[in-house]
Amino acid sequence: MKLMVNGKPREVDAPNGEIGVLDLLERYGVNPRLVAVAINGDVIPKTEYATARIRGGDMVEIVRMVGGG
């Protein structure tokens, strides 16, 4: 399945043509508590990470939280 992740084309193995947000984050080794995720411009609430689905052609943004000043 082809996606755009943070502006870069990615190929993700998804036999049924979709993948869950938590599954994608796990594949990239990303802690879901430390990021915000948007699919096609819509920010996904953390409470919906377990049920939100990403489909072929979707544009996904994964943004890490950083501190500083």
PDB file of N, CA and C in Angstrom:
ATOM      1  N   MET A   1       0.850  -1.159   0.000  1.00  0.00           N
ATOM      2  CA  MET A   1       0.000   0.000   0.000  1.00  0.00           C
ATOM      3  C   MET A   1       0.902   1.229   0.000  1.00  0.00           C
ATOM      4  N   LYS A   2       0.574   2.222  -0.819  1.00  0.00           N
ATOM      5  CA  LYS A   2       1.373   3.437  -0.914  1.00  0.00           C
ATOM      6  C   LYS A   2       0.745   4.549  -0.080  1.00  0.00           C
ATOM      7  N   LEU A   3       1.602   5.235   0.672  1.00  0.00           N
ATOM      8  CA  LEU A   3       1.201   6.370   1.512  1.00  0.00           C
ATOM      9  C   LEU A   3       2.191   7.496   1.326  1.00  0.00           C
ATOM     10  N   MET A   4       1.804   8.662   1.770  1.00  0.00           N
ATOM     11  CA  MET A   4       2.750   9.768   1.943  1.00  0.00           C
ATOM     12  C   MET A   4       2.869   9.955   3.448  1.00  0.00           C
ATOM     13  N   VAL A   5       4.070   9.794   3.984  1.00  0.00           N
ATOM     14  CA  VAL A   5       4.307   9.974   5.414  1.00  0.00           C
ATOM     15  C   VAL A   5       5.296  11.114   5.580  1.00  0.00           C
ATOM     16  N   ASN A   6       4.849  12.178   6.222  1.00  0.00           N
ATOM     17  CA  ASN A   6       5.663  13.380   6.415  1.00  0.00           C
ATOM     18  C   ASN A   6       6.248  13.858   5.090  1.00  0.00           C
ATOM     19  N   GLY A   7       5.412  13.830   4.047  1.00  0.00           N
ATOM     20  CA  GLY A   7       5.796  14.356   2.746  1.00  0.00           C
ATOM     21  C   GLY A   7       6.630  13.434   1.883  1.00  0.00           C
ATOM     22  N   LYS A   8       6.894  12.215   2.344  1.00  0.00           N
ATOM     23  CA  LYS A   8       7.708  11.272   1.577  1.00  0.00           C
ATOM     24  C   LYS A   8       6.878  10.045   1.215  1.00  0.00           C
ATOM     25  N   PRO A   9       7.008   9.569  -0.019  1.00  0.00           N
ATOM     26  CA  PRO A   9       6.271   8.354  -0.396  1.00  0.00           C
ATOM     27  C   PRO A   9       6.814   7.142   0.350  1.00  0.00           C
ATOM     28  N   ARG A  10       5.903   6.343   0.851  1.00  0.00           N
ATOM     29  CA  ARG A  10       6.261   5.122   1.596  1.00  0.00           C
ATOM     30  C   ARG A  10       5.415   3.964   1.111  1.00  0.00           C
ATOM     31  N   GLU A  11       5.999   2.794   1.154  1.00  0.00           N
ATOM     32  CA  GLU A  11       5.282   1.558   0.833  1.00  0.00           C
ATOM     33  C   GLU A  11       5.120   0.792   2.139  1.00  0.00           C
ATOM     34  N   VAL A  12       3.890   0.428   2.477  1.00  0.00           N
ATOM     35  CA  VAL A  12       3.591  -0.272   3.722  1.00  0.00           C
ATOM     36  C   VAL A  12       2.879  -1.581   3.388  1.00  0.00           C
ATOM     37  N   ASP A  13       3.329  -2.662   3.980  1.00  0.00           N
ATOM     38  CA  ASP A  13       2.675  -3.943   3.775  1.00  0.00           C
ATOM     39  C   ASP A  13       1.349  -3.953   4.528  1.00  0.00           C
ATOM     40  N   ALA A  14       0.264  -3.997   3.794  1.00  0.00           N
ATOM     41  CA  ALA A  14      -1.078  -4.017   4.383  1.00  0.00           C
ATOM     42  C   ALA A  14      -1.964  -4.865   3.471  1.00  0.00           C
ATOM     43  N   PRO A  15      -2.069  -6.152   3.756  1.00  0.00           N
ATOM     44  CA  PRO A  15      -2.798  -7.074   2.876  1.00  0.00           C
ATOM     45  C   PRO A  15      -4.245  -6.670   2.574  1.00  0.00           C
ATOM     46  N   ASN A  16      -4.915  -6.033   3.523  1.00  0.00           N
ATOM     47  CA  ASN A  16      -6.315  -5.659   3.287  1.00  0.00           C
ATOM     48  C   ASN A  16      -6.469  -4.211   2.828  1.00  0.00           C
ATOM     49  N   GLY A  17      -5.355  -3.542   2.496  1.00  0.00           N
ATOM     50  CA  GLY A  17      -5.425  -2.186   1.958  1.00  0.00           C
ATOM     51  C   GLY A  17      -5.566  -1.088   2.983  1.00  0.00           C
ATOM     52  N   GLU A  18      -5.423  -1.418   4.254  1.00  0.00           N
ATOM     53  CA  GLU A  18      -5.457  -0.400   5.298  1.00  0.00           C
ATOM     54  C   GLU A  18      -4.643  -0.863   6.491  1.00  0.00           C
ATOM     55  N   ILE A  19      -4.278   0.105   7.335  1.00  0.00           N
ATOM     56  CA  ILE A  19      -3.487  -0.184   8.525  1.00  0.00           C
ATOM     57  C   ILE A  19      -3.943   0.764   9.628  1.00  0.00           C
ATOM     58  N   GLY A  20      -3.868   0.316  10.858  1.00  0.00           N
ATOM     59  CA  GLY A  20      -4.233   1.156  11.988  1.00  0.00           C
ATOM     60  C   GLY A  20      -3.116   2.141  12.322  1.00  0.00           C
ATOM     61  N   VAL A  21      -3.488   3.251  12.913  1.00  0.00           N
ATOM     62  CA  VAL A  21      -2.509   4.261  13.309  1.00  0.00           C
ATOM     63  C   VAL A  21      -1.477   3.656  14.257  1.00  0.00           C
ATOM     64  N   LEU A  22      -1.935   2.920  15.268  1.00  0.00           N
ATOM     65  CA  LEU A  22      -0.989   2.324  16.220  1.00  0.00           C
ATOM     66  C   LEU A  22      -0.050   1.344  15.535  1.00  0.00           C
ATOM     67  N   ASP A  23      -0.554   0.579  14.565  1.00  0.00           N
ATOM     68  CA  ASP A  23       0.290  -0.364  13.832  1.00  0.00           C
ATOM     69  C   ASP A  23       1.371   0.375  13.046  1.00  0.00           C
ATOM     70  N   LEU A  24       0.999   1.461  12.390  1.00  0.00           N
ATOM     71  CA  LEU A  24       1.978   2.233  11.620  1.00  0.00           C
ATOM     72  C   LEU A  24       3.047   2.823  12.533  1.00  0.00           C
ATOM     73  N   LEU A  25       2.620   3.397  13.649  1.00  0.00           N
ATOM     74  CA  LEU A  25       3.587   3.968  14.588  1.00  0.00           C
ATOM     75  C   LEU A  25       4.540   2.896  15.106  1.00  0.00           C
ATOM     76  N   GLU A  26       4.014   1.719  15.396  1.00  0.00           N
ATOM     77  CA  GLU A  26       4.848   0.624  15.882  1.00  0.00           C
ATOM     78  C   GLU A  26       5.885   0.218  14.833  1.00  0.00           C
ATOM     79  N   ARG A  27       5.467   0.146  13.585  1.00  0.00           N
ATOM     80  CA  ARG A  27       6.398  -0.222  12.509  1.00  0.00           C
ATOM     81  C   ARG A  27       7.545   0.773  12.383  1.00  0.00           C
ATOM     82  N   TYR A  28       7.272   2.030  12.666  1.00  0.00           N
ATOM     83  CA  TYR A  28       8.306   3.060  12.605  1.00  0.00           C
ATOM     84  C   TYR A  28       9.031   3.239  13.937  1.00  0.00           C
ATOM     85  N   GLY A  29       8.655   2.468  14.951  1.00  0.00           N
ATOM     86  CA  GLY A  29       9.314   2.568  16.251  1.00  0.00           C
ATOM     87  C   GLY A  29       9.023   3.870  16.974  1.00  0.00           C
ATOM     88  N   VAL A  30       7.815   4.382  16.789  1.00  0.00           N
ATOM     89  CA  VAL A  30       7.418   5.665  17.364  1.00  0.00           C
ATOM     90  C   VAL A  30       6.493   5.444  18.557  1.00  0.00           C
ATOM     91  N   ASN A  31       6.801   6.082  19.669  1.00  0.00           N
ATOM     92  CA  ASN A  31       5.960   6.007  20.861  1.00  0.00           C
ATOM     93  C   ASN A  31       4.715   6.868  20.635  1.00  0.00           C
ATOM     94  N   PRO A  32       3.527   6.280  20.623  1.00  0.00           N
ATOM     95  CA  PRO A  32       2.304   7.056  20.344  1.00  0.00           C
ATOM     96  C   PRO A  32       2.023   8.162  21.349  1.00  0.00           C
ATOM     97  N   ARG A  33       2.578   8.058  22.548  1.00  0.00           N
ATOM     98  CA  ARG A  33       2.344   9.104  23.552  1.00  0.00           C
ATOM     99  C   ARG A  33       3.126  10.375  23.263  1.00  0.00           C
ATOM    100  N   LEU A  34       4.133  10.278  22.377  1.00  0.00           N
ATOM    101  CA  LEU A  34       5.019  11.413  22.143  1.00  0.00           C
ATOM    102  C   LEU A  34       4.803  12.102  20.801  1.00  0.00           C
ATOM    103  N   VAL A  35       3.727  11.728  20.096  1.00  0.00           N
ATOM    104  CA  VAL A  35       3.493  12.303  18.774  1.00  0.00           C
ATOM    105  C   VAL A  35       2.038  12.721  18.595  1.00  0.00           C
ATOM    106  N   ALA A  36       1.845  13.566  17.595  1.00  0.00           N
ATOM    107  CA  ALA A  36       0.508  13.880  17.097  1.00  0.00           C
ATOM    108  C   ALA A  36       0.441  13.314  15.686  1.00  0.00           C
ATOM    109  N   VAL A  37      -0.736  12.821  15.290  1.00  0.00           N
ATOM    110  CA  VAL A  37      -0.904  12.211  13.978  1.00  0.00           C
ATOM    111  C   VAL A  37      -2.075  12.885  13.265  1.00  0.00           C
ATOM    112  N   ALA A  38      -1.846  13.201  11.985  1.00  0.00           N
ATOM    113  CA  ALA A  38      -2.918  13.725  11.138  1.00  0.00           C
ATOM    114  C   ALA A  38      -3.009  12.840   9.902  1.00  0.00           C
ATOM    115  N   ILE A  39      -4.233  12.558   9.480  1.00  0.00           N
ATOM    116  CA  ILE A  39      -4.484  11.802   8.259  1.00  0.00           C
ATOM    117  C   ILE A  39      -5.258  12.710   7.318  1.00  0.00           C
ATOM    118  N   ASN A  40      -4.674  12.970   6.156  1.00  0.00           N
ATOM    119  CA  ASN A  40      -5.297  13.852   5.160  1.00  0.00           C
ATOM    120  C   ASN A  40      -5.693  15.193   5.763  1.00  0.00           C
ATOM    121  N   GLY A  41      -4.844  15.704   6.657  1.00  0.00           N
ATOM    122  CA  GLY A  41      -5.062  17.020   7.250  1.00  0.00           C
ATOM    123  C   GLY A  41      -5.926  17.030   8.496  1.00  0.00           C
ATOM    124  N   ASP A  42      -6.510  15.899   8.847  1.00  0.00           N
ATOM    125  CA  ASP A  42      -7.359  15.820  10.043  1.00  0.00           C
ATOM    126  C   ASP A  42      -6.552  15.247  11.205  1.00  0.00           C
ATOM    127  N   VAL A  43      -6.420  16.022  12.274  1.00  0.00           N
ATOM    128  CA  VAL A  43      -5.696  15.553  13.455  1.00  0.00           C
ATOM    129  C   VAL A  43      -6.527  14.474  14.143  1.00  0.00           C
ATOM    130  N   ILE A  44      -5.862  13.368  14.453  1.00  0.00           N
ATOM    131  CA  ILE A  44      -6.533  12.237  15.091  1.00  0.00           C
ATOM    132  C   ILE A  44      -6.322  12.330  16.600  1.00  0.00           C
ATOM    133  N   PRO A  45      -7.392  12.395  17.388  1.00  0.00           N
ATOM    134  CA  PRO A  45      -7.220  12.413  18.848  1.00  0.00           C
ATOM    135  C   PRO A  45      -6.547  11.120  19.313  1.00  0.00           C
ATOM    136  N   LYS A  46      -5.684  11.243  20.309  1.00  0.00           N
ATOM    137  CA  LYS A  46      -4.985  10.060  20.835  1.00  0.00           C
ATOM    138  C   LYS A  46      -5.969   8.964  21.254  1.00  0.00           C
ATOM    139  N   THR A  47      -7.132   9.352  21.714  1.00  0.00           N
ATOM    140  CA  THR A  47      -8.130   8.366  22.130  1.00  0.00           C
ATOM    141  C   THR A  47      -8.648   7.541  20.956  1.00  0.00           C
ATOM    142  N   GLU A  48      -8.389   7.984  19.715  1.00  0.00           N
ATOM    143  CA  GLU A  48      -8.858   7.266  18.529  1.00  0.00           C
ATOM    144  C   GLU A  48      -7.731   6.539  17.791  1.00  0.00           C
ATOM    145  N   TYR A  49      -6.507   6.585  18.308  1.00  0.00           N
ATOM    146  CA  TYR A  49      -5.389   5.918  17.638  1.00  0.00           C
ATOM    147  C   TYR A  49      -5.660   4.427  17.450  1.00  0.00           C
ATOM    148  N   ALA A  50      -6.312   3.791  18.400  1.00  0.00           N
ATOM    149  CA  ALA A  50      -6.552   2.348  18.326  1.00  0.00           C
ATOM    150  C   ALA A  50      -7.567   1.976  17.242  1.00  0.00           C
ATOM    151  N   THR A  51      -8.415   2.899  16.851  1.00  0.00           N
ATOM    152  CA  THR A  51      -9.464   2.578  15.877  1.00  0.00           C
ATOM    153  C   THR A  51      -9.300   3.289  14.533  1.00  0.00           C
ATOM    154  N   ALA A  52      -8.511   4.346  14.472  1.00  0.00           N
ATOM    155  CA  ALA A  52      -8.338   5.095  13.223  1.00  0.00           C
ATOM    156  C   ALA A  52      -7.593   4.249  12.193  1.00  0.00           C
ATOM    157  N   ARG A  53      -8.044   4.314  10.957  1.00  0.00           N
ATOM    158  CA  ARG A  53      -7.471   3.512   9.874  1.00  0.00           C
ATOM    159  C   ARG A  53      -6.834   4.418   8.830  1.00  0.00           C
ATOM    160  N   ILE A  54      -5.735   3.948   8.271  1.00  0.00           N
ATOM    161  CA  ILE A  54      -5.031   4.628   7.193  1.00  0.00           C
ATOM    162  C   ILE A  54      -5.184   3.752   5.958  1.00  0.00           C
ATOM    163  N   ARG A  55      -5.579   4.371   4.850  1.00  0.00           N
ATOM    164  CA  ARG A  55      -5.821   3.629   3.616  1.00  0.00           C
ATOM    165  C   ARG A  55      -4.828   4.056   2.540  1.00  0.00           C
ATOM    166  N   GLY A  56      -4.673   3.215   1.535  1.00  0.00           N
ATOM    167  CA  GLY A  56      -3.776   3.519   0.432  1.00  0.00           C
ATOM    168  C   GLY A  56      -4.053   4.898  -0.144  1.00  0.00           C
ATOM    169  N   GLY A  57      -2.990   5.664  -0.399  1.00  0.00           N
ATOM    170  CA  GLY A  57      -3.124   7.008  -0.946  1.00  0.00           C
ATOM    171  C   GLY A  57      -3.265   8.104   0.095  1.00  0.00           C
ATOM    172  N   ASP A  58      -3.462   7.735   1.364  1.00  0.00           N
ATOM    173  CA  ASP A  58      -3.604   8.740   2.410  1.00  0.00           C
ATOM    174  C   ASP A  58      -2.301   9.494   2.642  1.00  0.00           C
ATOM    175  N   MET A  59      -2.437  10.726   3.103  1.00  0.00           N
ATOM    176  CA  MET A  59      -1.300  11.542   3.502  1.00  0.00           C
ATOM    177  C   MET A  59      -1.272  11.589   5.026  1.00  0.00           C
ATOM    178  N   VAL A  60      -0.190  11.099   5.603  1.00  0.00           N
ATOM    179  CA  VAL A  60      -0.062  10.993   7.055  1.00  0.00           C
ATOM    180  C   VAL A  60       1.052  11.919   7.522  1.00  0.00           C
ATOM    181  N   GLU A  61       0.784  12.666   8.560  1.00  0.00           N
ATOM    182  CA  GLU A  61       1.802  13.495   9.209  1.00  0.00           C
ATOM    183  C   GLU A  61       1.976  12.991  10.627  1.00  0.00           C
ATOM    184  N   ILE A  62       3.225  12.717  10.995  1.00  0.00           N
ATOM    185  CA  ILE A  62       3.565  12.299  12.353  1.00  0.00           C
ATOM    186  C   ILE A  62       4.482  13.365  12.908  1.00  0.00           C
ATOM    187  N   VAL A  63       4.024  14.050  13.942  1.00  0.00           N
ATOM    188  CA  VAL A  63       4.770  15.184  14.488  1.00  0.00           C
ATOM    189  C   VAL A  63       5.194  14.865  15.912  1.00  0.00           C
ATOM    190  N   ARG A  64       6.489  14.916  16.150  1.00  0.00           N
ATOM    191  CA  ARG A  64       7.025  14.675  17.493  1.00  0.00           C
ATOM    192  C   ARG A  64       6.937  15.949  18.318  1.00  0.00           C
ATOM    193  N   MET A  65       6.621  15.764  19.577  1.00  0.00           N
ATOM    194  CA  MET A  65       6.580  16.891  20.501  1.00  0.00           C
ATOM    195  C   MET A  65       8.004  17.166  20.988  1.00  0.00           C
ATOM    196  N   VAL A  66       8.393  18.421  20.959  1.00  0.00           N
ATOM    197  CA  VAL A  66       9.719  18.790  21.455  1.00  0.00           C
ATOM    198  C   VAL A  66       9.576  19.944  22.427  1.00  0.00           C
ATOM    199  N   GLY A  67      10.438  19.954  23.415  1.00  0.00           N
ATOM    200  CA  GLY A  67      10.436  21.039  24.380  1.00  0.00           C
ATOM    201  C   GLY A  67      11.623  21.961  24.101  1.00  0.00           C
ATOM    202  N   GLY A  68      11.588  23.070  24.698  1.00  0.00           N
ATOM    203  CA  GLY A  68      12.703  24.005  24.511  1.00  0.00           C
ATOM    204  C   GLY A  68      12.227  25.427  24.700  1.00  0.00           C
ATOM    205  N   GLY A  69      13.116  26.288  24.473  1.00  0.00           N
ATOM    206  CA  GLY A  69      12.715  27.680  24.647  1.00  0.00           C
ATOM    207  C   GLY A  69      13.701  28.644  24.123  1.00  0.00           C
TER     208      GLY A  69
END
